[in-house]
Amino acid sequence: MSEDRKQGWRPDFARLRGRPYLAIASQIEEAITLGVFAPGDRLPSQRAIADDLGFHLNTVNAAFREAARRGLIRSNVGRGGRGGTIVIDNPTARAG
């Protein structure tokens, strides 16, 4: 998948059920499982997702923390394009 399309990925607002942060975390996991993102890929920024969905940044931050707790992603602080949130695991590959 092209880098532009990956950066354009956003959780599907129409499919968000239950607590928003858990629903967003589950959609991140689903995107990784389906191969939208592979280990080493960078997720769109939390701010971009929050703006697109109309949620508070804290909600998306909680979703990213939950995805990190599940062992799916890691946030990197850095400059010069090295920062951001990186996929570190694919649950399907682990289960198979």
PDB file of N, CA and C in Angstrom:
ATOM      1  N   MET A   1       0.849  -1.169   0.000  1.00  0.00           N
ATOM      2  CA  MET A   1       0.000   0.000   0.000  1.00  0.00           C
ATOM      3  C   MET A   1       0.888   1.224   0.000  1.00  0.00           C
ATOM      4  N   SER A   2       0.490   2.239  -0.745  1.00  0.00           N
ATOM      5  CA  SER A   2       1.317   3.439  -0.831  1.00  0.00           C
ATOM      6  C   SER A   2       1.328   4.188   0.498  1.00  0.00           C
ATOM      7  N   GLU A   3       2.397   4.925   0.695  1.00  0.00           N
ATOM      8  CA  GLU A   3       2.536   5.701   1.939  1.00  0.00           C
ATOM      9  C   GLU A   3       1.404   6.716   2.077  1.00  0.00           C
ATOM     10  N   ASP A   4       0.967   7.321   0.970  1.00  0.00           N
ATOM     11  CA  ASP A   4      -0.135   8.287   1.026  1.00  0.00           C
ATOM     12  C   ASP A   4      -1.426   7.628   1.496  1.00  0.00           C
ATOM     13  N   ARG A   5      -1.703   6.421   0.988  1.00  0.00           N
ATOM     14  CA  ARG A   5      -2.927   5.734   1.397  1.00  0.00           C
ATOM     15  C   ARG A   5      -2.853   5.317   2.853  1.00  0.00           C
ATOM     16  N   LYS A   6      -1.682   4.900   3.315  1.00  0.00           N
ATOM     17  CA  LYS A   6      -1.536   4.536   4.726  1.00  0.00           C
ATOM     18  C   LYS A   6      -1.778   5.745   5.605  1.00  0.00           C
ATOM     19  N   GLN A   7      -1.200   6.877   5.221  1.00  0.00           N
ATOM     20  CA  GLN A   7      -1.385   8.085   6.017  1.00  0.00           C
ATOM     21  C   GLN A   7      -2.833   8.572   5.949  1.00  0.00           C
ATOM     22  N   GLY A   8      -3.544   8.198   4.893  1.00  0.00           N
ATOM     23  CA  GLY A   8      -4.942   8.582   4.743  1.00  0.00           C
ATOM     24  C   GLY A   8      -5.907   7.666   5.471  1.00  0.00           C
ATOM     25  N   TRP A   9      -5.398   6.550   6.032  1.00  0.00           N
ATOM     26  CA  TRP A   9      -6.265   5.626   6.749  1.00  0.00           C
ATOM     27  C   TRP A   9      -6.831   6.295   7.987  1.00  0.00           C
ATOM     28  N   ARG A  10      -8.097   6.097   8.229  1.00  0.00           N
ATOM     29  CA  ARG A  10      -8.742   6.564   9.448  1.00  0.00           C
ATOM     30  C   ARG A  10      -9.734   5.504   9.906  1.00  0.00           C
ATOM     31  N   PRO A  11      -9.979   5.390  11.205  1.00  0.00           N
ATOM     32  CA  PRO A  11     -11.016   4.473  11.672  1.00  0.00           C
ATOM     33  C   PRO A  11     -12.359   4.848  11.036  1.00  0.00           C
ATOM     34  N   ASP A  12     -13.192   3.855  10.789  1.00  0.00           N
ATOM     35  CA  ASP A  12     -14.502   4.052  10.170  1.00  0.00           C
ATOM     36  C   ASP A  12     -15.483   4.504  11.239  1.00  0.00           C
ATOM     37  N   PHE A  13     -15.852   5.783  11.179  1.00  0.00           N
ATOM     38  CA  PHE A  13     -16.730   6.379  12.187  1.00  0.00           C
ATOM     39  C   PHE A  13     -18.047   5.605  12.301  1.00  0.00           C
ATOM     40  N   ALA A  14     -18.579   5.149  11.171  1.00  0.00           N
ATOM     41  CA  ALA A  14     -19.869   4.451  11.178  1.00  0.00           C
ATOM     42  C   ALA A  14     -19.801   3.118  11.915  1.00  0.00           C
ATOM     43  N   ARG A  15     -18.601   2.542  12.036  1.00  0.00           N
ATOM     44  CA  ARG A  15     -18.435   1.243  12.688  1.00  0.00           C
ATOM     45  C   ARG A  15     -17.987   1.347  14.147  1.00  0.00           C
ATOM     46  N   LEU A  16     -17.844   2.542  14.667  1.00  0.00           N
ATOM     47  CA  LEU A  16     -17.407   2.692  16.052  1.00  0.00           C
ATOM     48  C   LEU A  16     -18.565   2.352  16.987  1.00  0.00           C
ATOM     49  N   ARG A  17     -18.381   1.329  17.789  1.00  0.00           N
ATOM     50  CA  ARG A  17     -19.396   0.886  18.751  1.00  0.00           C
ATOM     51  C   ARG A  17     -18.746   0.802  20.131  1.00  0.00           C
ATOM     52  N   GLY A  18     -19.526   1.116  21.144  1.00  0.00           N
ATOM     53  CA  GLY A  18     -19.007   1.039  22.501  1.00  0.00           C
ATOM     54  C   GLY A  18     -18.144   2.248  22.829  1.00  0.00           C
ATOM     55  N   ARG A  19     -17.234   2.050  23.741  1.00  0.00           N
ATOM     56  CA  ARG A  19     -16.339   3.140  24.134  1.00  0.00           C
ATOM     57  C   ARG A  19     -15.468   3.519  22.953  1.00  0.00           C
ATOM     58  N   PRO A  20     -15.459   4.794  22.582  1.00  0.00           N
ATOM     59  CA  PRO A  20     -14.732   5.206  21.375  1.00  0.00           C
ATOM     60  C   PRO A  20     -13.265   4.806  21.370  1.00  0.00           C
ATOM     61  N   TYR A  21     -12.583   4.931  22.498  1.00  0.00           N
ATOM     62  CA  TYR A  21     -11.155   4.624  22.482  1.00  0.00           C
ATOM     63  C   TYR A  21     -10.905   3.137  22.241  1.00  0.00           C
ATOM     64  N   LEU A  22     -11.778   2.277  22.778  1.00  0.00           N
ATOM     65  CA  LEU A  22     -11.629   0.840  22.543  1.00  0.00           C
ATOM     66  C   LEU A  22     -11.984   0.479  21.103  1.00  0.00           C
ATOM     67  N   ALA A  23     -12.992   1.156  20.556  1.00  0.00           N
ATOM     68  CA  ALA A  23     -13.384   0.905  19.171  1.00  0.00           C
ATOM     69  C   ALA A  23     -12.274   1.327  18.208  1.00  0.00           C
ATOM     70  N   ILE A  24     -11.646   2.458  18.467  1.00  0.00           N
ATOM     71  CA  ILE A  24     -10.543   2.917  17.615  1.00  0.00           C
ATOM     72  C   ILE A  24      -9.373   1.954  17.725  1.00  0.00           C
ATOM     73  N   ALA A  25      -9.043   1.524  18.938  1.00  0.00           N
ATOM     74  CA  ALA A  25      -7.945   0.560  19.122  1.00  0.00           C
ATOM     75  C   ALA A  25      -8.239  -0.735  18.368  1.00  0.00           C
ATOM     76  N   SER A  26      -9.481  -1.185  18.397  1.00  0.00           N
ATOM     77  CA  SER A  26      -9.847  -2.406  17.684  1.00  0.00           C
ATOM     78  C   SER A  26      -9.733  -2.222  16.178  1.00  0.00           C
ATOM     79  N   GLN A  27     -10.062  -1.041  15.685  1.00  0.00           N
ATOM     80  CA  GLN A  27      -9.928  -0.802  14.249  1.00  0.00           C
ATOM     81  C   GLN A  27      -8.456  -0.699  13.841  1.00  0.00           C
ATOM     82  N   ILE A  28      -7.615  -0.199  14.719  1.00  0.00           N
ATOM     83  CA  ILE A  28      -6.170  -0.215  14.450  1.00  0.00           C
ATOM     84  C   ILE A  28      -5.703  -1.669  14.350  1.00  0.00           C
ATOM     85  N   GLU A  29      -6.130  -2.492  15.298  1.00  0.00           N
ATOM     86  CA  GLU A  29      -5.758  -3.905  15.279  1.00  0.00           C
ATOM     87  C   GLU A  29      -6.265  -4.584  14.003  1.00  0.00           C
ATOM     88  N   GLU A  30      -7.493  -4.286  13.621  1.00  0.00           N
ATOM     89  CA  GLU A  30      -8.062  -4.867  12.405  1.00  0.00           C
ATOM     90  C   GLU A  30      -7.264  -4.446  11.165  1.00  0.00           C
ATOM     91  N   ALA A  31      -6.879  -3.176  11.104  1.00  0.00           N
ATOM     92  CA  ALA A  31      -6.104  -2.694   9.954  1.00  0.00           C
ATOM     93  C   ALA A  31      -4.755  -3.414   9.863  1.00  0.00           C
ATOM     94  N   ILE A  32      -4.158  -3.685  11.000  1.00  0.00           N
ATOM     95  CA  ILE A  32      -2.881  -4.421  11.018  1.00  0.00           C
ATOM     96  C   ILE A  32      -3.121  -5.865  10.591  1.00  0.00           C
ATOM     97  N   THR A  33      -4.157  -6.492  11.120  1.00  0.00           N
ATOM     98  CA  THR A  33      -4.483  -7.880  10.790  1.00  0.00           C
ATOM     99  C   THR A  33      -4.768  -8.046   9.294  1.00  0.00           C
ATOM    100  N   LEU A  34      -5.466  -7.074   8.699  1.00  0.00           N
ATOM    101  CA  LEU A  34      -5.827  -7.146   7.285  1.00  0.00           C
ATOM    102  C   LEU A  34      -4.682  -6.749   6.350  1.00  0.00           C
ATOM    103  N   GLY A  35      -3.578  -6.312   6.927  1.00  0.00           N
ATOM    104  CA  GLY A  35      -2.432  -5.965   6.095  1.00  0.00           C
ATOM    105  C   GLY A  35      -2.402  -4.537   5.598  1.00  0.00           C
ATOM    106  N   VAL A  36      -3.311  -3.708   6.098  1.00  0.00           N
ATOM    107  CA  VAL A  36      -3.252  -2.288   5.739  1.00  0.00           C
ATOM    108  C   VAL A  36      -1.938  -1.709   6.246  1.00  0.00           C
ATOM    109  N   PHE A  37      -1.559  -2.130   7.442  1.00  0.00           N
ATOM    110  CA  PHE A  37      -0.279  -1.732   8.031  1.00  0.00           C
ATOM    111  C   PHE A  37       0.519  -2.981   8.360  1.00  0.00           C
ATOM    112  N   ALA A  38       1.802  -2.929   8.102  1.00  0.00           N
ATOM    113  CA  ALA A  38       2.717  -4.023   8.421  1.00  0.00           C
ATOM    114  C   ALA A  38       3.687  -3.544   9.493  1.00  0.00           C
ATOM    115  N   PRO A  39       4.330  -4.468  10.200  1.00  0.00           N
ATOM    116  CA  PRO A  39       5.347  -4.049  11.164  1.00  0.00           C
ATOM    117  C   PRO A  39       6.355  -3.109  10.506  1.00  0.00           C
ATOM    118  N   GLY A  40       6.615  -2.007  11.183  1.00  0.00           N
ATOM    119  CA  GLY A  40       7.523  -0.979  10.673  1.00  0.00           C
ATOM    120  C   GLY A  40       6.807   0.189  10.032  1.00  0.00           C
ATOM    121  N   ASP A  41       5.526   0.018   9.674  1.00  0.00           N
ATOM    122  CA  ASP A  41       4.761   1.114   9.083  1.00  0.00           C
ATOM    123  C   ASP A  41       4.390   2.146  10.142  1.00  0.00           C
ATOM    124  N   ARG A  42       4.250   3.372   9.714  1.00  0.00           N
ATOM    125  CA  ARG A  42       3.867   4.470  10.598  1.00  0.00           C
ATOM    126  C   ARG A  42       2.365   4.727  10.463  1.00  0.00           C
ATOM    127  N   LEU A  43       1.679   4.831  11.600  1.00  0.00           N
ATOM    128  CA  LEU A  43       0.259   5.176  11.606  1.00  0.00           C
ATOM    129  C   LEU A  43       0.079   6.665  11.368  1.00  0.00           C
ATOM    130  N   PRO A  44      -1.116   7.078  10.917  1.00  0.00           N
ATOM    131  CA  PRO A  44      -1.410   8.516  10.844  1.00  0.00           C
ATOM    132  C   PRO A  44      -1.304   9.130  12.240  1.00  0.00           C
ATOM    133  N   SER A  45      -1.112  10.415  12.292  1.00  0.00           N
ATOM    134  CA  SER A  45      -0.955  11.073  13.591  1.00  0.00           C
ATOM    135  C   SER A  45      -2.260  11.031  14.389  1.00  0.00           C
ATOM    136  N   GLN A  46      -2.102  11.037  15.693  1.00  0.00           N
ATOM    137  CA  GLN A  46      -3.271  11.064  16.573  1.00  0.00           C
ATOM    138  C   GLN A  46      -4.107  12.303  16.312  1.00  0.00           C
ATOM    139  N   ARG A  47      -3.457  13.419  16.104  1.00  0.00           N
ATOM    140  CA  ARG A  47      -4.188  14.671  15.860  1.00  0.00           C
ATOM    141  C   ARG A  47      -5.001  14.584  14.575  1.00  0.00           C
ATOM    142  N   ALA A  48      -4.423  14.005  13.517  1.00  0.00           N
ATOM    143  CA  ALA A  48      -5.155  13.880  12.254  1.00  0.00           C
ATOM    144  C   ALA A  48      -6.386  12.995  12.419  1.00  0.00           C
ATOM    145  N   ILE A  49      -6.233  11.894  13.151  1.00  0.00           N
ATOM    146  CA  ILE A  49      -7.372  11.001  13.380  1.00  0.00           C
ATOM    147  C   ILE A  49      -8.435  11.707  14.213  1.00  0.00           C
ATOM    148  N   ALA A  50      -8.039  12.392  15.269  1.00  0.00           N
ATOM    149  CA  ALA A  50      -8.990  13.106  16.119  1.00  0.00           C
ATOM    150  C   ALA A  50      -9.744  14.160  15.307  1.00  0.00           C
ATOM    151  N   ASP A  51      -9.022  14.913  14.499  1.00  0.00           N
ATOM    152  CA  ASP A  51      -9.662  15.944  13.684  1.00  0.00           C
ATOM    153  C   ASP A  51     -10.653  15.328  12.698  1.00  0.00           C
ATOM    154  N   ASP A  52     -10.250  14.239  12.045  1.00  0.00           N
ATOM    155  CA  ASP A  52     -11.129  13.588  11.062  1.00  0.00           C
ATOM    156  C   ASP A  52     -12.400  13.037  11.692  1.00  0.00           C
ATOM    157  N   LEU A  53     -12.273  12.446  12.871  1.00  0.00           N
ATOM    158  CA  LEU A  53     -13.421  11.829  13.533  1.00  0.00           C
ATOM    159  C   LEU A  53     -14.239  12.817  14.352  1.00  0.00           C
ATOM    160  N   GLY A  54     -13.647  13.960  14.665  1.00  0.00           N
ATOM    161  CA  GLY A  54     -14.328  14.926  15.515  1.00  0.00           C
ATOM    162  C   GLY A  54     -14.289  14.552  16.983  1.00  0.00           C
ATOM    163  N   PHE A  55     -13.281  13.746  17.362  1.00  0.00           N
ATOM    164  CA  PHE A  55     -13.102  13.367  18.758  1.00  0.00           C
ATOM    165  C   PHE A  55     -12.029  14.233  19.392  1.00  0.00           C
ATOM    166  N   HIS A  56     -12.052  14.281  20.704  1.00  0.00           N
ATOM    167  CA  HIS A  56     -11.004  14.975  21.436  1.00  0.00           C
ATOM    168  C   HIS A  56      -9.710  14.184  21.285  1.00  0.00           C
ATOM    169  N   LEU A  57      -8.602  14.892  21.236  1.00  0.00           N
ATOM    170  CA  LEU A  57      -7.296  14.252  21.106  1.00  0.00           C
ATOM    171  C   LEU A  57      -7.056  13.236  22.223  1.00  0.00           C
ATOM    172  N   ASN A  58      -7.558  13.497  23.421  1.00  0.00           N
ATOM    173  CA  ASN A  58      -7.374  12.562  24.537  1.00  0.00           C
ATOM    174  C   ASN A  58      -8.004  11.200  24.255  1.00  0.00           C
ATOM    175  N   THR A  59      -9.119  11.177  23.522  1.00  0.00           N
ATOM    176  CA  THR A  59      -9.776   9.909  23.180  1.00  0.00           C
ATOM    177  C   THR A  59      -8.881   9.089  22.263  1.00  0.00           C
ATOM    178  N   VAL A  60      -8.315   9.737  21.252  1.00  0.00           N
ATOM    179  CA  VAL A  60      -7.440   9.027  20.313  1.00  0.00           C
ATOM    180  C   VAL A  60      -6.146   8.624  21.012  1.00  0.00           C
ATOM    181  N   ASN A  61      -5.663   9.469  21.906  1.00  0.00           N
ATOM    182  CA  ASN A  61      -4.469   9.132  22.676  1.00  0.00           C
ATOM    183  C   ASN A  61      -4.723   7.874  23.509  1.00  0.00           C
ATOM    184  N   ALA A  62      -5.901   7.781  24.118  1.00  0.00           N
ATOM    185  CA  ALA A  62      -6.254   6.585  24.901  1.00  0.00           C
ATOM    186  C   ALA A  62      -6.324   5.355  23.998  1.00  0.00           C
ATOM    187  N   ALA A  63      -6.817   5.514  22.778  1.00  0.00           N
ATOM    188  CA  ALA A  63      -6.884   4.398  21.831  1.00  0.00           C
ATOM    189  C   ALA A  63      -5.484   3.915  21.467  1.00  0.00           C
ATOM    190  N   PHE A  64      -4.572   4.844  21.229  1.00  0.00           N
ATOM    191  CA  PHE A  64      -3.193   4.467  20.910  1.00  0.00           C
ATOM    192  C   PHE A  64      -2.527   3.795  22.111  1.00  0.00           C
ATOM    193  N   ARG A  65      -2.814   4.268  23.322  1.00  0.00           N
ATOM    194  CA  ARG A  65      -2.265   3.610  24.514  1.00  0.00           C
ATOM    195  C   ARG A  65      -2.786   2.178  24.623  1.00  0.00           C
ATOM    196  N   GLU A  66      -4.078   1.991  24.312  1.00  0.00           N
ATOM    197  CA  GLU A  66      -4.666   0.651  24.357  1.00  0.00           C
ATOM    198  C   GLU A  66      -4.031  -0.248  23.303  1.00  0.00           C
ATOM    199  N   ALA A  67      -3.836   0.261  22.100  1.00  0.00           N
ATOM    200  CA  ALA A  67      -3.187  -0.529  21.043  1.00  0.00           C
ATOM    201  C   ALA A  67      -1.750  -0.877  21.452  1.00  0.00           C
ATOM    202  N   ALA A  68      -1.073   0.039  22.115  1.00  0.00           N
ATOM    203  CA  ALA A  68       0.286  -0.237  22.605  1.00  0.00           C
ATOM    204  C   ALA A  68       0.243  -1.293  23.706  1.00  0.00           C
ATOM    205  N   ARG A  69      -0.754  -1.210  24.576  1.00  0.00           N
ATOM    206  CA  ARG A  69      -0.909  -2.206  25.641  1.00  0.00           C
ATOM    207  C   ARG A  69      -1.117  -3.600  25.051  1.00  0.00           C
ATOM    208  N   ARG A  70      -1.793  -3.662  23.902  1.00  0.00           N
ATOM    209  CA  ARG A  70      -2.020  -4.934  23.207  1.00  0.00           C
ATOM    210  C   ARG A  70      -0.777  -5.417  22.455  1.00  0.00           C
ATOM    211  N   GLY A  71       0.272  -4.610  22.474  1.00  0.00           N
ATOM    212  CA  GLY A  71       1.518  -5.004  21.829  1.00  0.00           C
ATOM    213  C   GLY A  71       1.538  -4.797  20.326  1.00  0.00           C
ATOM    214  N   LEU A  72       0.692  -3.903  19.826  1.00  0.00           N
ATOM    215  CA  LEU A  72       0.570  -3.692  18.384  1.00  0.00           C
ATOM    216  C   LEU A  72       1.429  -2.547  17.859  1.00  0.00           C
ATOM    217  N   ILE A  73       1.590  -1.514  18.669  1.00  0.00           N
ATOM    218  CA  ILE A  73       2.258  -0.293  18.208  1.00  0.00           C
ATOM    219  C   ILE A  73       3.216   0.230  19.269  1.00  0.00           C
ATOM    220  N   ARG A  74       4.092   1.133  18.829  1.00  0.00           N
ATOM    221  CA  ARG A  74       5.019   1.809  19.740  1.00  0.00           C
ATOM    222  C   ARG A  74       5.145   3.240  19.259  1.00  0.00           C
ATOM    223  N   SER A  75       5.085   4.168  20.188  1.00  0.00           N
ATOM    224  CA  SER A  75       5.265   5.578  19.845  1.00  0.00           C
ATOM    225  C   SER A  75       6.724   5.948  19.994  1.00  0.00           C
ATOM    226  N   ASN A  76       7.236   6.635  18.997  1.00  0.00           N
ATOM    227  CA  ASN A  76       8.619   7.100  19.001  1.00  0.00           C
ATOM    228  C   ASN A  76       8.628   8.614  19.005  1.00  0.00           C
ATOM    229  N   VAL A  77       9.386   9.180  19.906  1.00  0.00           N
ATOM    230  CA  VAL A  77       9.578  10.618  19.918  1.00  0.00           C
ATOM    231  C   VAL A  77      10.862  10.888  19.163  1.00  0.00           C
ATOM    232  N   GLY A  78      10.781  11.761  18.202  1.00  0.00           N
ATOM    233  CA  GLY A  78      11.988  12.032  17.429  1.00  0.00           C
ATOM    234  C   GLY A  78      11.803  13.204  16.501  1.00  0.00           C
ATOM    235  N   ARG A  79      12.878  13.608  15.918  1.00  0.00           N
ATOM    236  CA  ARG A  79      12.856  14.716  14.979  1.00  0.00           C
ATOM    237  C   ARG A  79      13.346  14.229  13.633  1.00  0.00           C
ATOM    238  N   GLY A  80      13.096  15.033  12.635  1.00  0.00           N
ATOM    239  CA  GLY A  80      13.583  14.695  11.310  1.00  0.00           C
ATOM    240  C   GLY A  80      12.877  13.498  10.695  1.00  0.00           C
ATOM    241  N   GLY A  81      11.575  13.357  10.981  1.00  0.00           N
ATOM    242  CA  GLY A  81      10.812  12.275  10.382  1.00  0.00           C
ATOM    243  C   GLY A  81      10.929  10.943  11.079  1.00  0.00           C
ATOM    244  N   ARG A  82      11.595  10.885  12.235  1.00  0.00           N
ATOM    245  CA  ARG A  82      11.756   9.606  12.928  1.00  0.00           C
ATOM    246  C   ARG A  82      10.738   9.406  14.033  1.00  0.00           C
ATOM    247  N   GLY A  83       9.940  10.410  14.311  1.00  0.00           N
ATOM    248  CA  GLY A  83       8.932  10.271  15.350  1.00  0.00           C
ATOM    249  C   GLY A  83       7.673   9.629  14.795  1.00  0.00           C
ATOM    250  N   GLY A  84       6.684   9.473  15.642  1.00  0.00           N
ATOM    251  CA  GLY A  84       5.419   8.910  15.208  1.00  0.00           C
ATOM    252  C   GLY A  84       5.144   7.575  15.865  1.00  0.00           C
ATOM    253  N   THR A  85       4.067   6.973  15.429  1.00  0.00           N
ATOM    254  CA  THR A  85       3.649   5.696  15.992  1.00  0.00           C
ATOM    255  C   THR A  85       3.873   4.614  14.954  1.00  0.00           C
ATOM    256  N   ILE A  86       4.607   3.589  15.354  1.00  0.00           N
ATOM    257  CA  ILE A  86       5.051   2.530  14.461  1.00  0.00           C
ATOM    258  C   ILE A  86       4.367   1.208  14.833  1.00  0.00           C
ATOM    259  N   VAL A  87       3.950   0.458  13.830  1.00  0.00           N
ATOM    260  CA  VAL A  87       3.397  -0.875  14.042  1.00  0.00           C
ATOM    261  C   VAL A  87       4.545  -1.814  14.405  1.00  0.00           C
ATOM    262  N   ILE A  88       4.359  -2.583  15.478  1.00  0.00           N
ATOM    263  CA  ILE A  88       5.425  -3.505  15.890  1.00  0.00           C
ATOM    264  C   ILE A  88       5.009  -4.967  15.827  1.00  0.00           C
ATOM    265  N   ASP A  89       3.694  -5.253  15.648  1.00  0.00           N
ATOM    266  CA  ASP A  89       3.263  -6.640  15.650  1.00  0.00           C
ATOM    267  C   ASP A  89       2.035  -6.800  14.776  1.00  0.00           C
ATOM    268  N   ASN A  90       1.881  -8.000  14.212  1.00  0.00           N
ATOM    269  CA  ASN A  90       0.692  -8.382  13.470  1.00  0.00           C
ATOM    270  C   ASN A  90       0.088  -9.578  14.184  1.00  0.00           C
ATOM    271  N   PRO A  91      -1.112  -9.411  14.775  1.00  0.00           N
ATOM    272  CA  PRO A  91      -1.707 -10.503  15.542  1.00  0.00           C
ATOM    273  C   PRO A  91      -1.949 -11.761  14.716  1.00  0.00           C
ATOM    274  N   THR A  92      -2.241 -11.637  13.438  1.00  0.00           N
ATOM    275  CA  THR A  92      -2.471 -12.792  12.586  1.00  0.00           C
ATOM    276  C   THR A  92      -1.195 -13.604  12.408  1.00  0.00           C
ATOM    277  N   ALA A  93      -0.099 -12.910  12.175  1.00  0.00           N
ATOM    278  CA  ALA A  93       1.182 -13.592  12.015  1.00  0.00           C
ATOM    279  C   ALA A  93       1.561 -14.316  13.312  1.00  0.00           C
ATOM    280  N   ARG A  94       1.274 -13.698  14.434  1.00  0.00           N
ATOM    281  CA  ARG A  94       1.582 -14.295  15.735  1.00  0.00           C
ATOM    282  C   ARG A  94       0.747 -15.550  15.965  1.00  0.00           C
ATOM    283  N   ALA A  95      -0.553 -15.482  15.611  1.00  0.00           N
ATOM    284  CA  ALA A  95      -1.460 -16.605  15.840  1.00  0.00           C
ATOM    285  C   ALA A  95      -1.194 -17.762  14.878  1.00  0.00           C
ATOM    286  N   GLY A  96      -0.694 -17.425  13.668  1.00  0.00           N
ATOM    287  CA  GLY A  96      -0.487 -18.463  12.649  1.00  0.00           C
ATOM    288  C   GLY A  96       0.806 -19.115  12.849  1.00  0.00           C
TER     289      GLY A  96
END
